Amino acid sequence: MSHVIEHYTPKNAEAILSLCHGSLVPGGRIVIVTPNPVNLFVITENSWKDPSHVRPYPIDALKVLLTKCGFDVVQVGWDTDTVSQIPEEAMTPAWHEVGRILGHFFYCEDAYAVGEKPV
């Protein structure tokens, strides 16, 4: 589910995840990718450019939803391949070091959670 969940209310997101849980075989996995609301660029502007976004889903909220729908949470994190819109000239080794240390606040535009249907 890449960039889907943020378009739904928590109630509807739970319903969709429950349907996904029901359609997976034991050991099957779901990957949820969503804009990273901890990233200051994302939460203040980028996420809200799309008027169909209903709400942000922080990693902890994704974990709660997955668990509530019967999944085991097997992995969560920030996608280091998604970089905020930083001017090319600013992409210095020093900036990459800042990204490594504080990446989820300034660097990674996407967050993810992986749930597994118990065997």
PDB file of N, CA and C in Angstrom:
ATOM      1  N   MET A   1       0.857  -1.176   0.000  1.00  0.00           N
ATOM      2  CA  MET A   1       0.000   0.000   0.000  1.00  0.00           C
ATOM      3  C   MET A   1       0.898   1.232   0.000  1.00  0.00           C
ATOM      4  N   SER A   2       1.255   1.693  -1.159  1.00  0.00           N
ATOM      5  CA  SER A   2       2.129   2.858  -1.243  1.00  0.00           C
ATOM      6  C   SER A   2       1.290   4.120  -1.422  1.00  0.00           C
ATOM      7  N   HIS A   3       1.358   4.983  -0.449  1.00  0.00           N
ATOM      8  CA  HIS A   3       0.668   6.274  -0.470  1.00  0.00           C
ATOM      9  C   HIS A   3      -0.839   6.108  -0.672  1.00  0.00           C
ATOM     10  N   VAL A   4      -1.412   5.252   0.167  1.00  0.00           N
ATOM     11  CA  VAL A   4      -2.853   5.001   0.135  1.00  0.00           C
ATOM     12  C   VAL A   4      -3.493   5.364   1.470  1.00  0.00           C
ATOM     13  N   ILE A   5      -2.902   4.921   2.569  1.00  0.00           N
ATOM     14  CA  ILE A   5      -3.548   5.011   3.876  1.00  0.00           C
ATOM     15  C   ILE A   5      -3.860   6.450   4.303  1.00  0.00           C
ATOM     16  N   GLU A   6      -3.041   7.403   3.896  1.00  0.00           N
ATOM     17  CA  GLU A   6      -3.259   8.793   4.291  1.00  0.00           C
ATOM     18  C   GLU A   6      -4.506   9.404   3.654  1.00  0.00           C
ATOM     19  N   HIS A   7      -5.124   8.669   2.750  1.00  0.00           N
ATOM     20  CA  HIS A   7      -6.353   9.132   2.105  1.00  0.00           C
ATOM     21  C   HIS A   7      -7.609   8.653   2.834  1.00  0.00           C
ATOM     22  N   TYR A   8      -7.409   7.968   3.967  1.00  0.00           N
ATOM     23  CA  TYR A   8      -8.536   7.381   4.697  1.00  0.00           C
ATOM     24  C   TYR A   8      -8.560   7.801   6.157  1.00  0.00           C
ATOM     25  N   THR A   9      -9.768   7.851   6.683  1.00  0.00           N
ATOM     26  CA  THR A   9      -9.937   8.070   8.112  1.00  0.00           C
ATOM     27  C   THR A   9      -9.428   6.833   8.845  1.00  0.00           C
ATOM     28  N   PRO A  10      -9.138   6.936  10.138  1.00  0.00           N
ATOM     29  CA  PRO A  10      -8.701   5.744  10.870  1.00  0.00           C
ATOM     30  C   PRO A  10      -9.701   4.588  10.773  1.00  0.00           C
ATOM     31  N   LYS A  11     -10.984   4.876  10.838  1.00  0.00           N
ATOM     32  CA  LYS A  11     -12.000   3.828  10.765  1.00  0.00           C
ATOM     33  C   LYS A  11     -11.941   3.112   9.410  1.00  0.00           C
ATOM     34  N   ASN A  12     -11.844   3.869   8.329  1.00  0.00           N
ATOM     35  CA  ASN A  12     -11.772   3.271   7.002  1.00  0.00           C
ATOM     36  C   ASN A  12     -10.428   2.582   6.766  1.00  0.00           C
ATOM     37  N   ALA A  13      -9.358   3.150   7.306  1.00  0.00           N
ATOM     38  CA  ALA A  13      -8.040   2.514   7.185  1.00  0.00           C
ATOM     39  C   ALA A  13      -8.056   1.153   7.882  1.00  0.00           C
ATOM     40  N   GLU A  14      -8.683   1.099   9.044  1.00  0.00           N
ATOM     41  CA  GLU A  14      -8.796  -0.169   9.769  1.00  0.00           C
ATOM     42  C   GLU A  14      -9.606  -1.186   8.966  1.00  0.00           C
ATOM     43  N   ALA A  15     -10.669  -0.736   8.336  1.00  0.00           N
ATOM     44  CA  ALA A  15     -11.492  -1.643   7.523  1.00  0.00           C
ATOM     45  C   ALA A  15     -10.685  -2.202   6.348  1.00  0.00           C
ATOM     46  N   ILE A  16      -9.908  -1.353   5.694  1.00  0.00           N
ATOM     47  CA  ILE A  16      -9.088  -1.802   4.557  1.00  0.00           C
ATOM     48  C   ILE A  16      -8.023  -2.786   5.023  1.00  0.00           C
ATOM     49  N   LEU A  17      -7.369  -2.476   6.132  1.00  0.00           N
ATOM     50  CA  LEU A  17      -6.330  -3.375   6.636  1.00  0.00           C
ATOM     51  C   LEU A  17      -6.921  -4.707   7.082  1.00  0.00           C
ATOM     52  N   SER A  18      -8.117  -4.682   7.609  1.00  0.00           N
ATOM     53  CA  SER A  18      -8.783  -5.934   7.983  1.00  0.00           C
ATOM     54  C   SER A  18      -9.079  -6.784   6.749  1.00  0.00           C
ATOM     55  N   LEU A  19      -9.506  -6.147   5.676  1.00  0.00           N
ATOM     56  CA  LEU A  19      -9.733  -6.865   4.421  1.00  0.00           C
ATOM     57  C   LEU A  19      -8.423  -7.447   3.884  1.00  0.00           C
ATOM     58  N   CYS A  20      -7.355  -6.670   3.970  1.00  0.00           N
ATOM     59  CA  CYS A  20      -6.040  -7.161   3.535  1.00  0.00           C
ATOM     60  C   CYS A  20      -5.618  -8.363   4.371  1.00  0.00           C
ATOM     61  N   HIS A  21      -5.835  -8.276   5.677  1.00  0.00           N
ATOM     62  CA  HIS A  21      -5.483  -9.383   6.572  1.00  0.00           C
ATOM     63  C   HIS A  21      -6.242 -10.636   6.167  1.00  0.00           C
ATOM     64  N   GLY A  22      -7.521 -10.480   5.879  1.00  0.00           N
ATOM     65  CA  GLY A  22      -8.349 -11.618   5.504  1.00  0.00           C
ATOM     66  C   GLY A  22      -7.949 -12.240   4.173  1.00  0.00           C
ATOM     67  N   SER A  23      -7.362 -11.453   3.290  1.00  0.00           N
ATOM     68  CA  SER A  23      -7.002 -11.981   1.967  1.00  0.00           C
ATOM     69  C   SER A  23      -5.604 -12.584   1.915  1.00  0.00           C
ATOM     70  N   LEU A  24      -4.792 -12.344   2.931  1.00  0.00           N
ATOM     71  CA  LEU A  24      -3.435 -12.885   2.946  1.00  0.00           C
ATOM     72  C   LEU A  24      -3.390 -14.291   3.527  1.00  0.00           C
ATOM     73  N   VAL A  25      -2.481 -15.091   3.022  1.00  0.00           N
ATOM     74  CA  VAL A  25      -2.236 -16.411   3.599  1.00  0.00           C
ATOM     75  C   VAL A  25      -1.391 -16.213   4.853  1.00  0.00           C
ATOM     76  N   PRO A  26      -1.409 -17.162   5.797  1.00  0.00           N
ATOM     77  CA  PRO A  26      -0.531 -17.056   6.963  1.00  0.00           C
ATOM     78  C   PRO A  26       0.927 -16.866   6.514  1.00  0.00           C
ATOM     79  N   GLY A  27       1.586 -15.921   7.125  1.00  0.00           N
ATOM     80  CA  GLY A  27       2.954 -15.574   6.745  1.00  0.00           C
ATOM     81  C   GLY A  27       3.016 -14.496   5.674  1.00  0.00           C
ATOM     82  N   GLY A  28       1.851 -14.156   5.090  1.00  0.00           N
ATOM     83  CA  GLY A  28       1.807 -13.095   4.084  1.00  0.00           C
ATOM     84  C   GLY A  28       2.071 -11.737   4.721  1.00  0.00           C
ATOM     85  N   ARG A  29       2.609 -10.840   3.945  1.00  0.00           N
ATOM     86  CA  ARG A  29       2.980  -9.524   4.470  1.00  0.00           C
ATOM     87  C   ARG A  29       2.304  -8.392   3.723  1.00  0.00           C
ATOM     88  N   ILE A  30       2.113  -7.312   4.444  1.00  0.00           N
ATOM     89  CA  ILE A  30       1.637  -6.061   3.873  1.00  0.00           C
ATOM     90  C   ILE A  30       2.682  -4.998   4.186  1.00  0.00           C
ATOM     91  N   VAL A  31       2.956  -4.162   3.193  1.00  0.00           N
ATOM     92  CA  VAL A  31       3.880  -3.050   3.375  1.00  0.00           C
ATOM     93  C   VAL A  31       3.076  -1.764   3.174  1.00  0.00           C
ATOM     94  N   ILE A  32       3.125  -0.906   4.172  1.00  0.00           N
ATOM     95  CA  ILE A  32       2.434   0.376   4.093  1.00  0.00           C
ATOM     96  C   ILE A  32       3.499   1.468   3.999  1.00  0.00           C
ATOM     97  N   VAL A  33       3.418   2.272   2.949  1.00  0.00           N
ATOM     98  CA  VAL A  33       4.309   3.420   2.773  1.00  0.00           C
ATOM     99  C   VAL A  33       3.435   4.659   2.777  1.00  0.00           C
ATOM    100  N   THR A  34       3.856   5.658   3.518  1.00  0.00           N
ATOM    101  CA  THR A  34       3.052   6.869   3.663  1.00  0.00           C
ATOM    102  C   THR A  34       3.974   8.064   3.859  1.00  0.00           C
ATOM    103  N   PRO A  35       3.498   9.277   3.568  1.00  0.00           N
ATOM    104  CA  PRO A  35       4.342  10.429   3.852  1.00  0.00           C
ATOM    105  C   PRO A  35       4.752  10.438   5.328  1.00  0.00           C
ATOM    106  N   ASN A  36       5.995  10.772   5.573  1.00  0.00           N
ATOM    107  CA  ASN A  36       6.560  10.749   6.913  1.00  0.00           C
ATOM    108  C   ASN A  36       6.171  12.022   7.669  1.00  0.00           C
ATOM    109  N   PRO A  37       5.208  11.951   8.583  1.00  0.00           N
ATOM    110  CA  PRO A  37       4.758  13.163   9.270  1.00  0.00           C
ATOM    111  C   PRO A  37       5.767  13.717  10.268  1.00  0.00           C
ATOM    112  N   VAL A  38       6.854  12.999  10.519  1.00  0.00           N
ATOM    113  CA  VAL A  38       7.906  13.513  11.393  1.00  0.00           C
ATOM    114  C   VAL A  38       8.823  14.453  10.608  1.00  0.00           C
ATOM    115  N   ASN A  39       8.858  14.282   9.277  1.00  0.00           N
ATOM    116  CA  ASN A  39       9.659  15.157   8.423  1.00  0.00           C
ATOM    117  C   ASN A  39       9.002  16.532   8.386  1.00  0.00           C
ATOM    118  N   LEU A  40       9.752  17.545   8.755  1.00  0.00           N
ATOM    119  CA  LEU A  40       9.185  18.889   8.860  1.00  0.00           C
ATOM    120  C   LEU A  40       8.708  19.438   7.522  1.00  0.00           C
ATOM    121  N   PHE A  41       9.382  19.095   6.424  1.00  0.00           N
ATOM    122  CA  PHE A  41       8.944  19.543   5.103  1.00  0.00           C
ATOM    123  C   PHE A  41       7.630  18.881   4.720  1.00  0.00           C
ATOM    124  N   VAL A  42       7.501  17.617   5.032  1.00  0.00           N
ATOM    125  CA  VAL A  42       6.302  16.860   4.672  1.00  0.00           C
ATOM    126  C   VAL A  42       5.090  17.360   5.448  1.00  0.00           C
ATOM    127  N   ILE A  43       5.225  17.465   6.756  1.00  0.00           N
ATOM    128  CA  ILE A  43       4.056  17.790   7.575  1.00  0.00           C
ATOM    129  C   ILE A  43       3.619  19.248   7.429  1.00  0.00           C
ATOM    130  N   THR A  44       4.531  20.136   7.100  1.00  0.00           N
ATOM    131  CA  THR A  44       4.148  21.540   6.984  1.00  0.00           C
ATOM    132  C   THR A  44       3.665  21.927   5.599  1.00  0.00           C
ATOM    133  N   GLU A  45       4.065  21.170   4.572  1.00  0.00           N
ATOM    134  CA  GLU A  45       3.654  21.579   3.234  1.00  0.00           C
ATOM    135  C   GLU A  45       3.383  20.419   2.283  1.00  0.00           C
ATOM    136  N   ASN A  46       4.384  19.590   2.030  1.00  0.00           N
ATOM    137  CA  ASN A  46       4.281  18.611   0.954  1.00  0.00           C
ATOM    138  C   ASN A  46       3.054  17.709   1.056  1.00  0.00           C
ATOM    139  N   SER A  47       2.772  17.196   2.238  1.00  0.00           N
ATOM    140  CA  SER A  47       1.643  16.286   2.386  1.00  0.00           C
ATOM    141  C   SER A  47       0.316  16.978   2.089  1.00  0.00           C
ATOM    142  N   TRP A  48       0.234  18.248   2.375  1.00  0.00           N
ATOM    143  CA  TRP A  48      -1.041  18.957   2.239  1.00  0.00           C
ATOM    144  C   TRP A  48      -1.242  19.546   0.851  1.00  0.00           C
ATOM    145  N   LYS A  49      -0.269  19.355  -0.051  1.00  0.00           N
ATOM    146  CA  LYS A  49      -0.467  19.780  -1.438  1.00  0.00           C
ATOM    147  C   LYS A  49      -1.538  18.935  -2.110  1.00  0.00           C
ATOM    148  N   ASP A  50      -1.718  17.728  -1.619  1.00  0.00           N
ATOM    149  CA  ASP A  50      -2.746  16.833  -2.148  1.00  0.00           C
ATOM    150  C   ASP A  50      -3.994  16.979  -1.281  1.00  0.00           C
ATOM    151  N   PRO A  51      -5.033  17.639  -1.798  1.00  0.00           N
ATOM    152  CA  PRO A  51      -6.226  17.886  -0.977  1.00  0.00           C
ATOM    153  C   PRO A  51      -7.005  16.626  -0.607  1.00  0.00           C
ATOM    154  N   SER A  52      -6.661  15.489  -1.212  1.00  0.00           N
ATOM    155  CA  SER A  52      -7.367  14.266  -0.848  1.00  0.00           C
ATOM    156  C   SER A  52      -6.745  13.568   0.366  1.00  0.00           C
ATOM    157  N   HIS A  53      -5.637  14.099   0.874  1.00  0.00           N
ATOM    158  CA  HIS A  53      -5.063  13.533   2.094  1.00  0.00           C
ATOM    159  C   HIS A  53      -5.975  13.868   3.269  1.00  0.00           C
ATOM    160  N   VAL A  54      -6.351  12.848   4.022  1.00  0.00           N
ATOM    161  CA  VAL A  54      -7.260  13.021   5.149  1.00  0.00           C
ATOM    162  C   VAL A  54      -6.490  13.330   6.422  1.00  0.00           C
ATOM    163  N   ARG A  55      -5.394  12.583   6.646  1.00  0.00           N
ATOM    164  CA  ARG A  55      -4.601  12.781   7.859  1.00  0.00           C
ATOM    165  C   ARG A  55      -3.258  12.080   7.708  1.00  0.00           C
ATOM    166  N   PRO A  56      -2.281  12.535   8.472  1.00  0.00           N
ATOM    167  CA  PRO A  56      -1.001  11.823   8.486  1.00  0.00           C
ATOM    168  C   PRO A  56      -1.086  10.598   9.392  1.00  0.00           C
ATOM    169  N   TYR A  57      -0.248   9.609   9.103  1.00  0.00           N
ATOM    170  CA  TYR A  57      -0.165   8.411   9.930  1.00  0.00           C
ATOM    171  C   TYR A  57       1.283   8.209  10.376  1.00  0.00           C
ATOM    172  N   PRO A  58       1.609   8.648  11.587  1.00  0.00           N
ATOM    173  CA  PRO A  58       2.946   8.381  12.116  1.00  0.00           C
ATOM    174  C   PRO A  58       3.163   6.873  12.273  1.00  0.00           C
ATOM    175  N   ILE A  59       4.404   6.475  12.369  1.00  0.00           N
ATOM    176  CA  ILE A  59       4.740   5.054  12.497  1.00  0.00           C
ATOM    177  C   ILE A  59       3.994   4.402  13.655  1.00  0.00           C
ATOM    178  N   ASP A  60       3.912   5.066  14.792  1.00  0.00           N
ATOM    179  CA  ASP A  60       3.204   4.470  15.932  1.00  0.00           C
ATOM    180  C   ASP A  60       1.731   4.213  15.612  1.00  0.00           C
ATOM    181  N   ALA A  61       1.108   5.096  14.843  1.00  0.00           N
ATOM    182  CA  ALA A  61      -0.289   4.880  14.454  1.00  0.00           C
ATOM    183  C   ALA A  61      -0.407   3.693  13.504  1.00  0.00           C
ATOM    184  N   LEU A  62       0.567   3.552  12.596  1.00  0.00           N
ATOM    185  CA  LEU A  62       0.562   2.395  11.697  1.00  0.00           C
ATOM    186  C   LEU A  62       0.688   1.100  12.487  1.00  0.00           C
ATOM    187  N   LYS A  63       1.555   1.108  13.490  1.00  0.00           N
ATOM    188  CA  LYS A  63       1.733  -0.081  14.327  1.00  0.00           C
ATOM    189  C   LYS A  63       0.438  -0.439  15.055  1.00  0.00           C
ATOM    190  N   VAL A  64      -0.250   0.555  15.572  1.00  0.00           N
ATOM    191  CA  VAL A  64      -1.518   0.316  16.278  1.00  0.00           C
ATOM    192  C   VAL A  64      -2.547  -0.269  15.317  1.00  0.00           C
ATOM    193  N   LEU A  65      -2.671   0.323  14.131  1.00  0.00           N
ATOM    194  CA  LEU A  65      -3.641  -0.181  13.160  1.00  0.00           C
ATOM    195  C   LEU A  65      -3.326  -1.614  12.734  1.00  0.00           C
ATOM    196  N   LEU A  66      -2.052  -1.872  12.435  1.00  0.00           N
ATOM    197  CA  LEU A  66      -1.674  -3.229  12.016  1.00  0.00           C
ATOM    198  C   LEU A  66      -1.978  -4.249  13.113  1.00  0.00           C
ATOM    199  N   THR A  67      -1.613  -3.916  14.324  1.00  0.00           N
ATOM    200  CA  THR A  67      -1.838  -4.826  15.454  1.00  0.00           C
ATOM    201  C   THR A  67      -3.334  -5.053  15.672  1.00  0.00           C
ATOM    202  N   LYS A  68      -4.102  -3.984  15.609  1.00  0.00           N
ATOM    203  CA  LYS A  68      -5.544  -4.076  15.810  1.00  0.00           C
ATOM    204  C   LYS A  68      -6.207  -4.963  14.755  1.00  0.00           C
ATOM    205  N   CYS A  69      -5.604  -5.004  13.565  1.00  0.00           N
ATOM    206  CA  CYS A  69      -6.171  -5.804  12.473  1.00  0.00           C
ATOM    207  C   CYS A  69      -5.592  -7.211  12.422  1.00  0.00           C
ATOM    208  N   GLY A  70      -4.799  -7.583  13.426  1.00  0.00           N
ATOM    209  CA  GLY A  70      -4.324  -8.955  13.526  1.00  0.00           C
ATOM    210  C   GLY A  70      -2.935  -9.232  12.974  1.00  0.00           C
ATOM    211  N   PHE A  71      -2.244  -8.202  12.533  1.00  0.00           N
ATOM    212  CA  PHE A  71      -0.899  -8.380  12.007  1.00  0.00           C
ATOM    213  C   PHE A  71       0.140  -8.320  13.120  1.00  0.00           C
ATOM    214  N   ASP A  72       1.247  -9.019  12.912  1.00  0.00           N
ATOM    215  CA  ASP A  72       2.445  -8.814  13.720  1.00  0.00           C
ATOM    216  C   ASP A  72       3.270  -7.757  12.996  1.00  0.00           C
ATOM    217  N   VAL A  73       3.709  -6.750  13.714  1.00  0.00           N
ATOM    218  CA  VAL A  73       4.542  -5.717  13.104  1.00  0.00           C
ATOM    219  C   VAL A  73       5.968  -6.250  13.059  1.00  0.00           C
ATOM    220  N   VAL A  74       6.507  -6.411  11.860  1.00  0.00           N
ATOM    221  CA  VAL A  74       7.835  -7.013  11.724  1.00  0.00           C
ATOM    222  C   VAL A  74       8.923  -6.006  11.396  1.00  0.00           C
ATOM    223  N   GLN A  75       8.537  -4.833  10.894  1.00  0.00           N
ATOM    224  CA  GLN A  75       9.546  -3.819  10.582  1.00  0.00           C
ATOM    225  C   GLN A  75       8.868  -2.470  10.411  1.00  0.00           C
ATOM    226  N   VAL A  76       9.528  -1.422  10.872  1.00  0.00           N
ATOM    227  CA  VAL A  76       9.079  -0.050  10.647  1.00  0.00           C
ATOM    228  C   VAL A  76      10.315   0.809  10.401  1.00  0.00           C
ATOM    229  N   GLY A  77      10.115   1.944   9.784  1.00  0.00           N
ATOM    230  CA  GLY A  77      11.259   2.830   9.589  1.00  0.00           C
ATOM    231  C   GLY A  77      10.958   3.954   8.629  1.00  0.00           C
ATOM    232  N   TRP A  78      12.018   4.629   8.229  1.00  0.00           N
ATOM    233  CA  TRP A  78      11.939   5.745   7.299  1.00  0.00           C
ATOM    234  C   TRP A  78      12.677   5.369   6.038  1.00  0.00           C
ATOM    235  N   ASP A  79      12.100   5.677   4.906  1.00  0.00           N
ATOM    236  CA  ASP A  79      12.676   5.331   3.615  1.00  0.00           C
ATOM    237  C   ASP A  79      13.774   6.330   3.265  1.00  0.00           C
ATOM    238  N   THR A  80      15.003   5.900   3.371  1.00  0.00           N
ATOM    239  CA  THR A  80      16.140   6.795   3.120  1.00  0.00           C
ATOM    240  C   THR A  80      16.326   7.090   1.635  1.00  0.00           C
ATOM    241  N   ASP A  81      15.559   6.427   0.776  1.00  0.00           N
ATOM    242  CA  ASP A  81      15.633   6.740  -0.651  1.00  0.00           C
ATOM    243  C   ASP A  81      14.759   7.935  -1.023  1.00  0.00           C
ATOM    244  N   THR A  82      13.925   8.388  -0.100  1.00  0.00           N
ATOM    245  CA  THR A  82      13.079   9.548  -0.385  1.00  0.00           C
ATOM    246  C   THR A  82      13.688  10.755   0.299  1.00  0.00           C
ATOM    247  N   VAL A  83      14.160  11.672  -0.495  1.00  0.00           N
ATOM    248  CA  VAL A  83      14.884  12.837   0.013  1.00  0.00           C
ATOM    249  C   VAL A  83      14.019  14.069  -0.174  1.00  0.00           C
ATOM    250  N   SER A  84      13.944  14.897   0.855  1.00  0.00           N
ATOM    251  CA  SER A  84      13.205  16.144   0.747  1.00  0.00           C
ATOM    252  C   SER A  84      13.772  16.981  -0.392  1.00  0.00           C
ATOM    253  N   GLN A  85      12.974  17.896  -0.878  1.00  0.00           N
ATOM    254  CA  GLN A  85      13.393  18.716  -2.004  1.00  0.00           C
ATOM    255  C   GLN A  85      14.447  19.723  -1.556  1.00  0.00           C
ATOM    256  N   ILE A  86      15.678  19.289  -1.622  1.00  0.00           N
ATOM    257  CA  ILE A  86      16.814  20.092  -1.199  1.00  0.00           C
ATOM    258  C   ILE A  86      17.559  20.489  -2.467  1.00  0.00           C
ATOM    259  N   PRO A  87      17.912  21.765  -2.613  1.00  0.00           N
ATOM    260  CA  PRO A  87      18.641  22.172  -3.816  1.00  0.00           C
ATOM    261  C   PRO A  87      19.895  21.321  -4.010  1.00  0.00           C
ATOM    262  N   GLU A  88      20.168  20.980  -5.256  1.00  0.00           N
ATOM    263  CA  GLU A  88      21.301  20.112  -5.583  1.00  0.00           C
ATOM    264  C   GLU A  88      22.605  20.628  -4.983  1.00  0.00           C
ATOM    265  N   GLU A  89      22.810  21.939  -5.003  1.00  0.00           N
ATOM    266  CA  GLU A  89      24.054  22.506  -4.475  1.00  0.00           C
ATOM    267  C   GLU A  89      24.187  22.323  -2.962  1.00  0.00           C
ATOM    268  N   ALA A  90      23.073  22.054  -2.291  1.00  0.00           N
ATOM    269  CA  ALA A  90      23.113  21.844  -0.838  1.00  0.00           C
ATOM    270  C   ALA A  90      23.406  20.393  -0.475  1.00  0.00           C
ATOM    271  N   MET A  91      23.365  19.500  -1.444  1.00  0.00           N
ATOM    272  CA  MET A  91      23.563  18.078  -1.173  1.00  0.00           C
ATOM    273  C   MET A  91      25.057  17.771  -1.022  1.00  0.00           C
ATOM    274  N   THR A  92      25.616  18.251   0.038  1.00  0.00           N
ATOM    275  CA  THR A  92      27.029  18.077   0.345  1.00  0.00           C
ATOM    276  C   THR A  92      27.218  16.877   1.251  1.00  0.00           C
ATOM    277  N   PRO A  93      28.454  16.410   1.430  1.00  0.00           N
ATOM    278  CA  PRO A  93      28.689  15.333   2.397  1.00  0.00           C
ATOM    279  C   PRO A  93      28.192  15.702   3.801  1.00  0.00           C
ATOM    280  N   ALA A  94      28.325  16.972   4.160  1.00  0.00           N
ATOM    281  CA  ALA A  94      27.849  17.396   5.487  1.00  0.00           C
ATOM    282  C   ALA A  94      26.334  17.224   5.587  1.00  0.00           C
ATOM    283  N   TRP A  95      25.610  17.569   4.514  1.00  0.00           N
ATOM    284  CA  TRP A  95      24.155  17.412   4.537  1.00  0.00           C
ATOM    285  C   TRP A  95      23.784  15.934   4.650  1.00  0.00           C
ATOM    286  N   HIS A  96      24.498  15.091   3.938  1.00  0.00           N
ATOM    287  CA  HIS A  96      24.221  13.658   4.036  1.00  0.00           C
ATOM    288  C   HIS A  96      24.468  13.145   5.455  1.00  0.00           C
ATOM    289  N   GLU A  97      25.443  13.704   6.142  1.00  0.00           N
ATOM    290  CA  GLU A  97      25.695  13.308   7.532  1.00  0.00           C
ATOM    291  C   GLU A  97      24.531  13.754   8.423  1.00  0.00           C
ATOM    292  N   VAL A  98      24.037  14.964   8.182  1.00  0.00           N
ATOM    293  CA  VAL A  98      22.859  15.436   8.921  1.00  0.00           C
ATOM    294  C   VAL A  98      21.687  14.499   8.637  1.00  0.00           C
ATOM    295  N   GLY A  99      21.530  14.123   7.377  1.00  0.00           N
ATOM    296  CA  GLY A  99      20.462  13.198   7.016  1.00  0.00           C
ATOM    297  C   GLY A  99      20.587  11.862   7.723  1.00  0.00           C
ATOM    298  N   ARG A 100      21.818  11.387   7.876  1.00  0.00           N
ATOM    299  CA  ARG A 100      22.024  10.111   8.557  1.00  0.00           C
ATOM    300  C   ARG A 100      21.624  10.207  10.026  1.00  0.00           C
ATOM    301  N   ILE A 101      21.936  11.329  10.655  1.00  0.00           N
ATOM    302  CA  ILE A 101      21.669  11.493  12.082  1.00  0.00           C
ATOM    303  C   ILE A 101      20.216  11.890  12.349  1.00  0.00           C
ATOM    304  N   LEU A 102      19.723  12.846  11.591  1.00  0.00           N
ATOM    305  CA  LEU A 102      18.379  13.388  11.826  1.00  0.00           C
ATOM    306  C   LEU A 102      17.452  13.131  10.642  1.00  0.00           C
ATOM    307  N   GLY A 103      17.748  12.083   9.906  1.00  0.00           N
ATOM    308  CA  GLY A 103      17.053  11.836   8.653  1.00  0.00           C
ATOM    309  C   GLY A 103      15.553  11.848   8.728  1.00  0.00           C
ATOM    310  N   HIS A 104      14.983  11.246   9.745  1.00  0.00           N
ATOM    311  CA  HIS A 104      13.526  11.167   9.787  1.00  0.00           C
ATOM    312  C   HIS A 104      12.876  12.521  10.048  1.00  0.00           C
ATOM    313  N   PHE A 105      13.635  13.516  10.490  1.00  0.00           N
ATOM    314  CA  PHE A 105      13.074  14.851  10.702  1.00  0.00           C
ATOM    315  C   PHE A 105      13.208  15.745   9.475  1.00  0.00           C
ATOM    316  N   PHE A 106      14.289  15.581   8.713  1.00  0.00           N
ATOM    317  CA  PHE A 106      14.557  16.506   7.623  1.00  0.00           C
ATOM    318  C   PHE A 106      14.787  15.842   6.277  1.00  0.00           C
ATOM    319  N   TYR A 107      15.017  14.559   6.255  1.00  0.00           N
ATOM    320  CA  TYR A 107      15.576  13.927   5.072  1.00  0.00           C
ATOM    321  C   TYR A 107      14.615  12.945   4.414  1.00  0.00           C
ATOM    322  N   CYS A 108      14.052  12.047   5.172  1.00  0.00           N
ATOM    323  CA  CYS A 108      13.216  10.980   4.620  1.00  0.00           C
ATOM    324  C   CYS A 108      11.774  11.438   4.499  1.00  0.00           C
ATOM    325  N   GLU A 109      11.275  11.473   3.275  1.00  0.00           N
ATOM    326  CA  GLU A 109       9.908  11.933   3.063  1.00  0.00           C
ATOM    327  C   GLU A 109       8.866  10.844   3.287  1.00  0.00           C
ATOM    328  N   ASP A 110       9.288   9.594   3.298  1.00  0.00           N
ATOM    329  CA  ASP A 110       8.345   8.497   3.479  1.00  0.00           C
ATOM    330  C   ASP A 110       8.682   7.666   4.706  1.00  0.00           C
ATOM    331  N   ALA A 111       7.636   7.166   5.346  1.00  0.00           N
ATOM    332  CA  ALA A 111       7.770   6.217   6.449  1.00  0.00           C
ATOM    333  C   ALA A 111       7.110   4.916   6.004  1.00  0.00           C
ATOM    334  N   TYR A 112       7.468   3.812   6.660  1.00  0.00           N
ATOM    335  CA  TYR A 112       6.858   2.552   6.272  1.00  0.00           C
ATOM    336  C   TYR A 112       6.671   1.658   7.482  1.00  0.00           C
ATOM    337  N   ALA A 113       5.759   0.716   7.321  1.00  0.00           N
ATOM    338  CA  ALA A 113       5.541  -0.326   8.325  1.00  0.00           C
ATOM    339  C   ALA A 113       5.215  -1.616   7.566  1.00  0.00           C
ATOM    340  N   VAL A 114       5.745  -2.718   8.082  1.00  0.00           N
ATOM    341  CA  VAL A 114       5.505  -4.022   7.486  1.00  0.00           C
ATOM    342  C   VAL A 114       4.791  -4.880   8.508  1.00  0.00           C
ATOM    343  N   GLY A 115       3.653  -5.419   8.120  1.00  0.00           N
ATOM    344  CA  GLY A 115       2.896  -6.322   8.977  1.00  0.00           C
ATOM    345  C   GLY A 115       2.862  -7.714   8.377  1.00  0.00           C
ATOM    346  N   GLU A 116       2.851  -8.704   9.230  1.00  0.00           N
ATOM    347  CA  GLU A 116       2.809 -10.101   8.784  1.00  0.00           C
ATOM    348  C   GLU A 116       1.630 -10.801   9.432  1.00  0.00           C
ATOM    349  N   LYS A 117       0.882 -11.550   8.631  1.00  0.00           N
ATOM    350  CA  LYS A 117      -0.218 -12.337   9.164  1.00  0.00           C
ATOM    351  C   LYS A 117       0.399 -13.546   9.888  1.00  0.00           C
ATOM    352  N   PRO A 118       0.062 -13.735  11.160  1.00  0.00           N
ATOM    353  CA  PRO A 118       0.666 -14.857  11.906  1.00  0.00           C
ATOM    354  C   PRO A 118       0.407 -16.197  11.237  1.00  0.00           C
ATOM    355  N   VAL A 119       1.364 -17.085  11.400  1.00  0.00           N
ATOM    356  CA  VAL A 119       1.257 -18.438  10.831  1.00  0.00           C
ATOM    357  C   VAL A 119       0.398 -19.298  11.721  1.00  0.00           C
TER     358      VAL A 119
END
